[in-house]
PDB file of N, CA and C in Angstrom:
ATOM      1  N   MET A   1      30.348  58.851 233.385  1.00  0.00           N
ATOM      2  CA  MET A   1      29.390  59.238 232.358  1.00  0.00           C
ATOM      3  C   MET A   1      28.904  57.983 231.629  1.00  0.00           C
ATOM      4  N   THR A   2      27.614  57.826 231.530  1.00  0.00           N
ATOM      5  CA  THR A   2      27.067  56.661 230.838  1.00  0.00           C
ATOM      6  C   THR A   2      26.780  57.026 229.391  1.00  0.00           C
ATOM      7  N   SER A   3      27.025  56.066 228.523  1.00  0.00           N
ATOM      8  CA  SER A   3      26.747  56.318 227.108  1.00  0.00           C
ATOM      9  C   SER A   3      25.272  56.045 226.837  1.00  0.00           C
ATOM     10  N   PRO A   4      24.674  56.765 225.883  1.00  0.00           N
ATOM     11  CA  PRO A   4      23.273  56.520 225.552  1.00  0.00           C
ATOM     12  C   PRO A   4      23.096  55.137 224.943  1.00  0.00           C
ATOM     13  N   LYS A   5      21.909  54.606 225.104  1.00  0.00           N
ATOM     14  CA  LYS A   5      21.608  53.290 224.535  1.00  0.00           C
ATOM     15  C   LYS A   5      21.633  53.362 223.008  1.00  0.00           C
ATOM     16  N   ALA A   6      22.142  52.310 222.410  1.00  0.00           N
ATOM     17  CA  ALA A   6      22.162  52.235 220.949  1.00  0.00           C
ATOM     18  C   ALA A   6      20.744  52.002 220.441  1.00  0.00           C
ATOM     19  N   ILE A   7      20.414  52.681 219.386  1.00  0.00           N
ATOM     20  CA  ILE A   7      19.106  52.561 218.742  1.00  0.00           C
ATOM     21  C   ILE A   7      19.317  51.890 217.388  1.00  0.00           C
ATOM     22  N   VAL A   8      18.411  51.014 217.022  1.00  0.00           N
ATOM     23  CA  VAL A   8      18.431  50.402 215.700  1.00  0.00           C
ATOM     24  C   VAL A   8      17.286  51.012 214.892  1.00  0.00           C
ATOM     25  N   ARG A   9      17.620  51.561 213.739  1.00  0.00           N
ATOM     26  CA  ARG A   9      16.607  52.065 212.805  1.00  0.00           C
ATOM     27  C   ARG A   9      16.393  50.977 211.770  1.00  0.00           C
ATOM     28  N   HIS A  10      15.158  50.488 211.704  1.00  0.00           N
ATOM     29  CA  HIS A  10      14.778  49.399 210.809  1.00  0.00           C
ATOM     30  C   HIS A  10      13.943  50.000 209.678  1.00  0.00           C
ATOM     31  N   ILE A  11      14.393  49.796 208.445  1.00  0.00           N
ATOM     32  CA  ILE A  11      13.720  50.361 207.272  1.00  0.00           C
ATOM     33  C   ILE A  11      13.329  49.222 206.345  1.00  0.00           C
ATOM     34  N   VAL A  12      12.085  49.250 205.882  1.00  0.00           N
ATOM     35  CA  VAL A  12      11.590  48.255 204.930  1.00  0.00           C
ATOM     36  C   VAL A  12      10.989  49.002 203.742  1.00  0.00           C
ATOM     37  N   LEU A  13      11.447  48.664 202.536  1.00  0.00           N
ATOM     38  CA  LEU A  13      10.908  49.233 201.304  1.00  0.00           C
ATOM     39  C   LEU A  13      10.326  48.101 200.466  1.00  0.00           C
ATOM     40  N   VAL A  14       9.192  48.363 199.829  1.00  0.00           N
ATOM     41  CA  VAL A  14       8.499  47.341 199.047  1.00  0.00           C
ATOM     42  C   VAL A  14       8.213  47.874 197.647  1.00  0.00           C
ATOM     43  N   LYS A  15       8.548  47.066 196.654  1.00  0.00           N
ATOM     44  CA  LYS A  15       8.156  47.322 195.262  1.00  0.00           C
ATOM     45  C   LYS A  15       7.197  46.199 194.881  1.00  0.00           C
ATOM     46  N   PHE A  16       5.963  46.549 194.580  1.00  0.00           N
ATOM     47  CA  PHE A  16       4.958  45.539 194.248  1.00  0.00           C
ATOM     48  C   PHE A  16       5.092  45.068 192.801  1.00  0.00           C
ATOM     49  N   ARG A  17       4.721  43.822 192.568  1.00  0.00           N
ATOM     50  CA  ARG A  17       4.632  43.319 191.200  1.00  0.00           C
ATOM     51  C   ARG A  17       3.530  44.106 190.484  1.00  0.00           C
ATOM     52  N   SER A  18       3.728  44.369 189.228  1.00  0.00           N
ATOM     53  CA  SER A  18       2.731  45.144 188.476  1.00  0.00           C
ATOM     54  C   SER A  18       1.399  44.405 188.366  1.00  0.00           C
ATOM     55  N   ASP A  19       1.429  43.069 188.425  1.00  0.00           N
ATOM     56  CA  ASP A  19       0.187  42.296 188.310  1.00  0.00           C
ATOM     57  C   ASP A  19      -0.404  41.896 189.671  1.00  0.00           C
ATOM     58  N   ALA A  20       0.171  42.398 190.757  1.00  0.00           N
ATOM     59  CA  ALA A  20      -0.337  42.045 192.087  1.00  0.00           C
ATOM     60  C   ALA A  20      -1.698  42.709 192.320  1.00  0.00           C
ATOM     61  N   PRO A  21      -2.690  41.944 192.765  1.00  0.00           N
ATOM     62  CA  PRO A  21      -4.004  42.522 193.040  1.00  0.00           C
ATOM     63  C   PRO A  21      -3.931  43.575 194.156  1.00  0.00           C
ATOM     64  N   ASP A  22      -4.747  44.597 194.024  1.00  0.00           N
ATOM     65  CA  ASP A  22      -4.772  45.658 195.033  1.00  0.00           C
ATOM     66  C   ASP A  22      -5.048  45.116 196.432  1.00  0.00           C
ATOM     67  N   ALA A  23      -5.906  44.106 196.529  1.00  0.00           N
ATOM     68  CA  ALA A  23      -6.241  43.545 197.840  1.00  0.00           C
ATOM     69  C   ALA A  23      -5.009  42.952 198.518  1.00  0.00           C
ATOM     70  N   LEU A  24      -4.154  42.275 197.757  1.00  0.00           N
ATOM     71  CA  LEU A  24      -2.936  41.704 198.348  1.00  0.00           C
ATOM     72  C   LEU A  24      -1.920  42.785 198.689  1.00  0.00           C
ATOM     73  N   ARG A  25      -1.840  43.806 197.861  1.00  0.00           N
ATOM     74  CA  ARG A  25      -0.950  44.934 198.170  1.00  0.00           C
ATOM     75  C   ARG A  25      -1.362  45.573 199.491  1.00  0.00           C
ATOM     76  N   GLN A  26      -2.651  45.850 199.613  1.00  0.00           N
ATOM     77  CA  GLN A  26      -3.157  46.492 200.822  1.00  0.00           C
ATOM     78  C   GLN A  26      -2.976  45.589 202.045  1.00  0.00           C
ATOM     79  N   GLU A  27      -3.178  44.310 201.874  1.00  0.00           N
ATOM     80  CA  GLU A  27      -2.994  43.386 202.990  1.00  0.00           C
ATOM     81  C   GLU A  27      -1.534  43.356 203.447  1.00  0.00           C
ATOM     82  N   LEU A  28      -0.607  43.378 202.508  1.00  0.00           N
ATOM     83  CA  LEU A  28       0.801  43.397 202.886  1.00  0.00           C
ATOM     84  C   LEU A  28       1.131  44.662 203.675  1.00  0.00           C
ATOM     85  N   ILE A  29       0.624  45.793 203.238  1.00  0.00           N
ATOM     86  CA  ILE A  29       0.854  47.051 203.957  1.00  0.00           C
ATOM     87  C   ILE A  29       0.251  46.986 205.356  1.00  0.00           C
ATOM     88  N   GLU A  30      -0.996  46.555 205.454  1.00  0.00           N
ATOM     89  CA  GLU A  30      -1.668  46.501 206.757  1.00  0.00           C
ATOM     90  C   GLU A  30      -0.953  45.546 207.714  1.00  0.00           C
ATOM     91  N   ARG A  31      -0.595  44.366 207.233  1.00  0.00           N
ATOM     92  CA  ARG A  31       0.077  43.384 208.106  1.00  0.00           C
ATOM     93  C   ARG A  31       1.482  43.841 208.496  1.00  0.00           C
ATOM     94  N   SER A  32       2.112  44.631 207.648  1.00  0.00           N
ATOM     95  CA  SER A  32       3.458  45.114 207.942  1.00  0.00           C
ATOM     96  C   SER A  32       3.470  46.216 208.991  1.00  0.00           C
ATOM     97  N   GLN A  33       2.322  46.746 209.319  1.00  0.00           N
ATOM     98  CA  GLN A  33       2.248  47.849 210.273  1.00  0.00           C
ATOM     99  C   GLN A  33       1.975  47.391 211.708  1.00  0.00           C
ATOM    100  N   TRP A  34       2.047  46.097 211.970  1.00  0.00           N
ATOM    101  CA  TRP A  34       1.756  45.585 213.306  1.00  0.00           C
ATOM    102  C   TRP A  34       2.624  46.244 214.376  1.00  0.00           C
ATOM    103  N   SER A  35       3.849  46.568 214.046  1.00  0.00           N
ATOM    104  CA  SER A  35       4.792  47.063 215.052  1.00  0.00           C
ATOM    105  C   SER A  35       4.545  48.499 215.481  1.00  0.00           C
ATOM    106  N   ARG A  36       3.728  49.221 214.766  1.00  0.00           N
ATOM    107  CA  ARG A  36       3.501  50.625 215.141  1.00  0.00           C
ATOM    108  C   ARG A  36       2.878  50.742 216.525  1.00  0.00           C
ATOM    109  N   LYS A  37       2.238  49.659 217.003  1.00  0.00           N
ATOM    110  CA  LYS A  37       1.617  49.690 218.329  1.00  0.00           C
ATOM    111  C   LYS A  37       2.462  48.993 219.394  1.00  0.00           C
ATOM    112  N   ALA A  38       3.616  48.459 219.018  1.00  0.00           N
ATOM    113  CA  ALA A  38       4.476  47.787 219.987  1.00  0.00           C
ATOM    114  C   ALA A  38       5.043  48.817 220.963  1.00  0.00           C
ATOM    115  N   ASP A  39       5.029  48.486 222.242  1.00  0.00           N
ATOM    116  CA  ASP A  39       5.471  49.448 223.258  1.00  0.00           C
ATOM    117  C   ASP A  39       6.961  49.768 223.199  1.00  0.00           C
ATOM    118  N   TYR A  40       7.743  48.985 222.498  1.00  0.00           N
ATOM    119  CA  TYR A  40       9.183  49.221 222.422  1.00  0.00           C
ATOM    120  C   TYR A  40       9.609  49.875 221.111  1.00  0.00           C
ATOM    121  N   VAL A  41       8.663  50.200 220.248  1.00  0.00           N
ATOM    122  CA  VAL A  41       8.950  50.836 218.955  1.00  0.00           C
ATOM    123  C   VAL A  41       8.661  52.334 219.064  1.00  0.00           C
ATOM    124  N   SER A  42       9.547  53.131 218.476  1.00  0.00           N
ATOM    125  CA  SER A  42       9.326  54.579 218.444  1.00  0.00           C
ATOM    126  C   SER A  42       9.594  55.101 217.039  1.00  0.00           C
ATOM    127  N   ASN A  43       9.185  56.314 216.821  1.00  0.00           N
ATOM    128  CA  ASN A  43       9.437  57.013 215.550  1.00  0.00           C
ATOM    129  C   ASN A  43       8.963  56.231 214.329  1.00  0.00           C
ATOM    130  N   TYR A  44       7.836  55.564 214.440  1.00  0.00           N
ATOM    131  CA  TYR A  44       7.299  54.798 213.311  1.00  0.00           C
ATOM    132  C   TYR A  44       6.750  55.762 212.268  1.00  0.00           C
ATOM    133  N   VAL A  45       7.172  55.579 211.029  1.00  0.00           N
ATOM    134  CA  VAL A  45       6.621  56.340 209.907  1.00  0.00           C
ATOM    135  C   VAL A  45       6.465  55.398 208.719  1.00  0.00           C
ATOM    136  N   CYS A  46       5.496  55.687 207.866  1.00  0.00           N
ATOM    137  CA  CYS A  46       5.332  54.904 206.645  1.00  0.00           C
ATOM    138  C   CYS A  46       4.724  55.795 205.580  1.00  0.00           C
ATOM    139  N   GLY A  47       4.835  55.342 204.339  1.00  0.00           N
ATOM    140  CA  GLY A  47       4.263  56.131 203.267  1.00  0.00           C
ATOM    141  C   GLY A  47       4.384  55.437 201.925  1.00  0.00           C
ATOM    142  N   HIS A  48       3.718  56.015 200.946  1.00  0.00           N
ATOM    143  CA  HIS A  48       3.704  55.502 199.580  1.00  0.00           C
ATOM    144  C   HIS A  48       4.650  56.324 198.707  1.00  0.00           C
ATOM    145  N   GLY A  49       5.119  55.710 197.623  1.00  0.00           N
ATOM    146  CA  GLY A  49       5.955  56.419 196.651  1.00  0.00           C
ATOM    147  C   GLY A  49       7.270  56.889 197.238  1.00  0.00           C
ATOM    148  N   VAL A  50       7.975  56.006 197.933  1.00  0.00           N
ATOM    149  CA  VAL A  50       9.233  56.356 198.583  1.00  0.00           C
ATOM    150  C   VAL A  50      10.350  56.381 197.542  1.00  0.00           C
ATOM    151  N   GLN A  51      11.068  57.471 197.482  1.00  0.00           N
ATOM    152  CA  GLN A  51      12.194  57.588 196.559  1.00  0.00           C
ATOM    153  C   GLN A  51      13.415  58.001 197.387  1.00  0.00           C
ATOM    154  N   PRO A  52      14.131  57.003 197.944  1.00  0.00           N
ATOM    155  CA  PRO A  52      15.212  57.313 198.863  1.00  0.00           C
ATOM    156  C   PRO A  52      16.460  57.896 198.219  1.00  0.00           C
ATOM    157  N   ASN A  53      16.643  57.687 196.929  1.00  0.00           N
ATOM    158  CA  ASN A  53      17.847  58.177 196.260  1.00  0.00           C
ATOM    159  C   ASN A  53      17.505  59.447 195.486  1.00  0.00           C
ATOM    160  N   PRO A  54      18.016  60.597 195.914  1.00  0.00           N
ATOM    161  CA  PRO A  54      17.636  61.865 195.272  1.00  0.00           C
ATOM    162  C   PRO A  54      18.334  62.143 193.953  1.00  0.00           C
ATOM    163  N   TYR A  55      19.251  61.283 193.530  1.00  0.00           N
ATOM    164  CA  TYR A  55      20.006  61.553 192.317  1.00  0.00           C
ATOM    165  C   TYR A  55      19.225  61.132 191.077  1.00  0.00           C
ATOM    166  N   PRO A  56      19.116  62.011 190.075  1.00  0.00           N
ATOM    167  CA  PRO A  56      18.332  61.707 188.874  1.00  0.00           C
ATOM    168  C   PRO A  56      18.774  60.434 188.151  1.00  0.00           C
ATOM    169  N   ALA A  57      20.030  60.076 188.227  1.00  0.00           N
ATOM    170  CA  ALA A  57      20.509  58.876 187.544  1.00  0.00           C
ATOM    171  C   ALA A  57      20.030  57.592 188.237  1.00  0.00           C
ATOM    172  N   GLN A  58      19.504  57.709 189.430  1.00  0.00           N
ATOM    173  CA  GLN A  58      19.024  56.555 190.196  1.00  0.00           C
ATOM    174  C   GLN A  58      17.552  56.767 190.558  1.00  0.00           C
ATOM    175  N   PRO A  59      16.652  56.673 189.589  1.00  0.00           N
ATOM    176  CA  PRO A  59      15.253  57.039 189.835  1.00  0.00           C
ATOM    177  C   PRO A  59      14.394  55.948 190.488  1.00  0.00           C
ATOM    178  N   ASP A  60      15.011  54.902 191.038  1.00  0.00           N
ATOM    179  CA  ASP A  60      14.237  53.798 191.597  1.00  0.00           C
ATOM    180  C   ASP A  60      13.267  54.309 192.662  1.00  0.00           C
ATOM    181  N   GLU A  61      12.009  54.059 192.447  1.00  0.00           N
ATOM    182  CA  GLU A  61      10.985  54.454 193.405  1.00  0.00           C
ATOM    183  C   GLU A  61      10.334  53.205 193.955  1.00  0.00           C
ATOM    184  N   TRP A  62      10.158  53.171 195.256  1.00  0.00           N
ATOM    185  CA  TRP A  62       9.510  52.062 195.941  1.00  0.00           C
ATOM    186  C   TRP A  62       8.051  52.423 196.154  1.00  0.00           C
ATOM    187  N   ASP A  63       7.181  51.426 196.121  1.00  0.00           N
ATOM    188  CA  ASP A  63       5.754  51.683 196.245  1.00  0.00           C
ATOM    189  C   ASP A  63       5.333  52.038 197.667  1.00  0.00           C
ATOM    190  N   TRP A  64       5.995  51.419 198.644  1.00  0.00           N
ATOM    191  CA  TRP A  64       5.632  51.664 200.038  1.00  0.00           C
ATOM    192  C   TRP A  64       6.849  51.418 200.911  1.00  0.00           C
ATOM    193  N   GLY A  65       6.934  52.146 201.989  1.00  0.00           N
ATOM    194  CA  GLY A  65       8.045  51.937 202.905  1.00  0.00           C
ATOM    195  C   GLY A  65       7.681  52.322 204.315  1.00  0.00           C
ATOM    196  N   MET A  66       8.461  51.798 205.250  1.00  0.00           N
ATOM    197  CA  MET A  66       8.282  52.142 206.657  1.00  0.00           C
ATOM    198  C   MET A  66       9.636  52.211 207.334  1.00  0.00           C
ATOM    199  N   SER A  67       9.671  52.942 208.417  1.00  0.00           N
ATOM    200  CA  SER A  67      10.869  53.070 209.216  1.00  0.00           C
ATOM    201  C   SER A  67      10.449  53.102 210.673  1.00  0.00           C
ATOM    202  N   LEU A  68      11.239  52.474 211.528  1.00  0.00           N
ATOM    203  CA  LEU A  68      10.958  52.503 212.962  1.00  0.00           C
ATOM    204  C   LEU A  68      12.262  52.406 213.724  1.00  0.00           C
ATOM    205  N   ASP A  69      12.219  52.848 214.951  1.00  0.00           N
ATOM    206  CA  ASP A  69      13.374  52.773 215.833  1.00  0.00           C
ATOM    207  C   ASP A  69      13.045  51.877 217.011  1.00  0.00           C
ATOM    208  N   MET A  70      14.082  51.183 217.509  1.00  0.00           N
ATOM    209  CA  MET A  70      13.945  50.374 218.728  1.00  0.00           C
ATOM    210  C   MET A  70      15.312  50.295 219.384  1.00  0.00           C
ATOM    211  N   ALA A  71      15.309  50.023 220.665  1.00  0.00           N
ATOM    212  CA  ALA A  71      16.571  49.826 221.365  1.00  0.00           C
ATOM    213  C   ALA A  71      17.233  48.557 220.842  1.00  0.00           C
ATOM    214  N   ARG A  72      18.536  48.561 220.832  1.00  0.00           N
ATOM    215  CA  ARG A  72      19.280  47.407 220.315  1.00  0.00           C
ATOM    216  C   ARG A  72      18.850  46.109 221.010  1.00  0.00           C
ATOM    217  N   GLU A  73      18.567  46.177 222.310  1.00  0.00           N
ATOM    218  CA  GLU A  73      18.178  44.970 223.051  1.00  0.00           C
ATOM    219  C   GLU A  73      16.779  44.467 222.684  1.00  0.00           C
ATOM    220  N   ASP A  74      16.020  45.233 221.918  1.00  0.00           N
ATOM    221  CA  ASP A  74      14.684  44.800 221.502  1.00  0.00           C
ATOM    222  C   ASP A  74      14.647  44.196 220.103  1.00  0.00           C
ATOM    223  N   VAL A  75      15.776  44.116 219.433  1.00  0.00           N
ATOM    224  CA  VAL A  75      15.801  43.594 218.063  1.00  0.00           C
ATOM    225  C   VAL A  75      15.291  42.158 218.014  1.00  0.00           C
ATOM    226  N   GLU A  76      15.748  41.308 218.898  1.00  0.00           N
ATOM    227  CA  GLU A  76      15.278  39.916 218.897  1.00  0.00           C
ATOM    228  C   GLU A  76      13.803  39.840 219.246  1.00  0.00           C
ATOM    229  N   ARG A  77      13.371  40.671 220.150  1.00  0.00           N
ATOM    230  CA  ARG A  77      11.952  40.730 220.512  1.00  0.00           C
ATOM    231  C   ARG A  77      11.104  41.054 219.275  1.00  0.00           C
ATOM    232  N   TYR A  78      11.547  42.014 218.500  1.00  0.00           N
ATOM    233  CA  TYR A  78      10.862  42.394 217.265  1.00  0.00           C
ATOM    234  C   TYR A  78      10.903  41.246 216.248  1.00  0.00           C
ATOM    235  N   ARG A  79      12.099  40.733 216.009  1.00  0.00           N
ATOM    236  CA  ARG A  79      12.290  39.667 215.017  1.00  0.00           C
ATOM    237  C   ARG A  79      11.479  38.423 215.348  1.00  0.00           C
ATOM    238  N   ASP A  80      11.416  38.061 216.625  1.00  0.00           N
ATOM    239  CA  ASP A  80      10.772  36.822 217.039  1.00  0.00           C
ATOM    240  C   ASP A  80       9.286  36.959 217.337  1.00  0.00           C
ATOM    241  N   ASP A  81       8.738  38.170 217.206  1.00  0.00           N
ATOM    242  CA  ASP A  81       7.305  38.350 217.478  1.00  0.00           C
ATOM    243  C   ASP A  81       6.507  37.502 216.479  1.00  0.00           C
ATOM    244  N   PRO A  82       5.556  36.692 216.971  1.00  0.00           N
ATOM    245  CA  PRO A  82       4.788  35.821 216.060  1.00  0.00           C
ATOM    246  C   PRO A  82       4.051  36.586 214.956  1.00  0.00           C
ATOM    247  N   THR A  83       3.645  37.805 215.233  1.00  0.00           N
ATOM    248  CA  THR A  83       2.948  38.607 214.217  1.00  0.00           C
ATOM    249  C   THR A  83       3.888  38.936 213.064  1.00  0.00           C
ATOM    250  N   HIS A  84       5.159  39.108 213.370  1.00  0.00           N
ATOM    251  CA  HIS A  84       6.154  39.462 212.363  1.00  0.00           C
ATOM    252  C   HIS A  84       6.286  38.374 211.299  1.00  0.00           C
ATOM    253  N   GLY A  85       6.191  37.130 211.715  1.00  0.00           N
ATOM    254  CA  GLY A  85       6.343  36.027 210.771  1.00  0.00           C
ATOM    255  C   GLY A  85       5.047  35.436 210.268  1.00  0.00           C
ATOM    256  N   ALA A  86       3.927  36.100 210.546  1.00  0.00           N
ATOM    257  CA  ALA A  86       2.624  35.517 210.229  1.00  0.00           C
ATOM    258  C   ALA A  86       2.015  36.022 208.922  1.00  0.00           C
ATOM    259  N   ILE A  87       2.781  36.700 208.103  1.00  0.00           N
ATOM    260  CA  ILE A  87       2.236  37.184 206.830  1.00  0.00           C
ATOM    261  C   ILE A  87       2.218  36.009 205.855  1.00  0.00           C
ATOM    262  N   PRO A  88       1.043  35.658 205.326  1.00  0.00           N
ATOM    263  CA  PRO A  88       0.957  34.506 204.411  1.00  0.00           C
ATOM    264  C   PRO A  88       1.828  34.686 203.163  1.00  0.00           C
ATOM    265  N   GLN A  89       2.323  33.584 202.656  1.00  0.00           N
ATOM    266  CA  GLN A  89       3.212  33.614 201.497  1.00  0.00           C
ATOM    267  C   GLN A  89       2.561  34.275 200.282  1.00  0.00           C
ATOM    268  N   GLU A  90       1.271  34.056 200.062  1.00  0.00           N
ATOM    269  CA  GLU A  90       0.628  34.676 198.897  1.00  0.00           C
ATOM    270  C   GLU A  90       0.575  36.194 199.013  1.00  0.00           C
ATOM    271  N   VAL A  91       0.581  36.704 200.238  1.00  0.00           N
ATOM    272  CA  VAL A  91       0.612  38.155 200.447  1.00  0.00           C
ATOM    273  C   VAL A  91       2.028  38.665 200.182  1.00  0.00           C
ATOM    274  N   ILE A  92       3.020  37.967 200.701  1.00  0.00           N
ATOM    275  CA  ILE A  92       4.421  38.352 200.465  1.00  0.00           C
ATOM    276  C   ILE A  92       4.737  38.306 198.970  1.00  0.00           C
ATOM    277  N   ALA A  93       4.144  37.352 198.257  1.00  0.00           N
ATOM    278  CA  ALA A  93       4.393  37.196 196.824  1.00  0.00           C
ATOM    279  C   ALA A  93       3.857  38.362 195.994  1.00  0.00           C
ATOM    280  N   ALA A  94       3.070  39.251 196.600  1.00  0.00           N
ATOM    281  CA  ALA A  94       2.595  40.440 195.891  1.00  0.00           C
ATOM    282  C   ALA A  94       3.740  41.414 195.623  1.00  0.00           C
ATOM    283  N   ALA A  95       4.845  41.238 196.334  1.00  0.00           N
ATOM    284  CA  ALA A  95       5.992  42.121 196.167  1.00  0.00           C
ATOM    285  C   ALA A  95       6.953  41.569 195.127  1.00  0.00           C
ATOM    286  N   GLU A  96       7.443  42.451 194.303  1.00  0.00           N
ATOM    287  CA  GLU A  96       8.498  42.096 193.344  1.00  0.00           C
ATOM    288  C   GLU A  96       9.836  42.019 194.064  1.00  0.00           C
ATOM    289  N   LYS A  97      10.053  42.988 194.977  1.00  0.00           N
ATOM    290  CA  LYS A  97      11.296  43.009 195.745  1.00  0.00           C
ATOM    291  C   LYS A  97      11.110  43.814 197.024  1.00  0.00           C
ATOM    292  N   PHE A  98      12.003  43.530 197.965  1.00  0.00           N
ATOM    293  CA  PHE A  98      12.075  44.247 199.227  1.00  0.00           C
ATOM    294  C   PHE A  98      13.493  44.782 199.406  1.00  0.00           C
ATOM    295  N   ALA A  99      13.620  45.863 200.131  1.00  0.00           N
ATOM    296  CA  ALA A  99      14.915  46.314 200.640  1.00  0.00           C
ATOM    297  C   ALA A  99      14.713  46.464 202.141  1.00  0.00           C
ATOM    298  N   ILE A 100      15.518  45.766 202.898  1.00  0.00           N
ATOM    299  CA  ILE A 100      15.415  45.823 204.356  1.00  0.00           C
ATOM    300  C   ILE A 100      16.780  46.252 204.877  1.00  0.00           C
ATOM    301  N   LEU A 101      16.786  47.370 205.579  1.00  0.00           N
ATOM    302  CA  LEU A 101      18.038  47.943 206.073  1.00  0.00           C
ATOM    303  C   LEU A 101      17.934  48.194 207.568  1.00  0.00           C
ATOM    304  N   ASP A 102      18.998  47.924 208.276  1.00  0.00           N
ATOM    305  CA  ASP A 102      19.076  48.209 209.702  1.00  0.00           C
ATOM    306  C   ASP A 102      20.335  49.041 209.947  1.00  0.00           C
ATOM    307  N   PHE A 103      20.170  50.117 210.684  1.00  0.00           N
ATOM    308  CA  PHE A 103      21.283  50.995 211.026  1.00  0.00           C
ATOM    309  C   PHE A 103      21.363  51.111 212.538  1.00  0.00           C
ATOM    310  N   VAL A 104      22.546  51.032 213.082  1.00  0.00           N
ATOM    311  CA  VAL A 104      22.746  51.246 214.512  1.00  0.00           C
ATOM    312  C   VAL A 104      23.117  52.702 214.718  1.00  0.00           C
ATOM    313  N   ILE A 105      22.375  53.362 215.584  1.00  0.00           N
ATOM    314  CA  ILE A 105      22.611  54.766 215.887  1.00  0.00           C
ATOM    315  C   ILE A 105      23.087  54.823 217.340  1.00  0.00           C
ATOM    316  N   GLU A 106      24.320  55.259 217.509  1.00  0.00           N
ATOM    317  CA  GLU A 106      24.864  55.319 218.881  1.00  0.00           C
ATOM    318  C   GLU A 106      25.068  56.748 219.295  1.00  0.00           C
TER     319      GLU A 106
END
């Protein structure tokens, strides 16, 4: 019996600076979506106003987030893709903070 391939779920959450121009916010979102068309990515979803913690005492809301799945052997392919590292620093600076989480699903 063969075991199923391990899947990595990659989650990115973004909280924008309150003074970040809308154009830079939108550019960060658009540039962050490059992977939705990658042939090795599945289950891509994204949205605004992400609130991952349902408990009232933890009301932290993120402005935008995305999630995608890929096979474990494609993680380096994703990480090393030139598009992944091509977001200009001034666009990245529109964010106050990021949360980047990876989960292995076996």
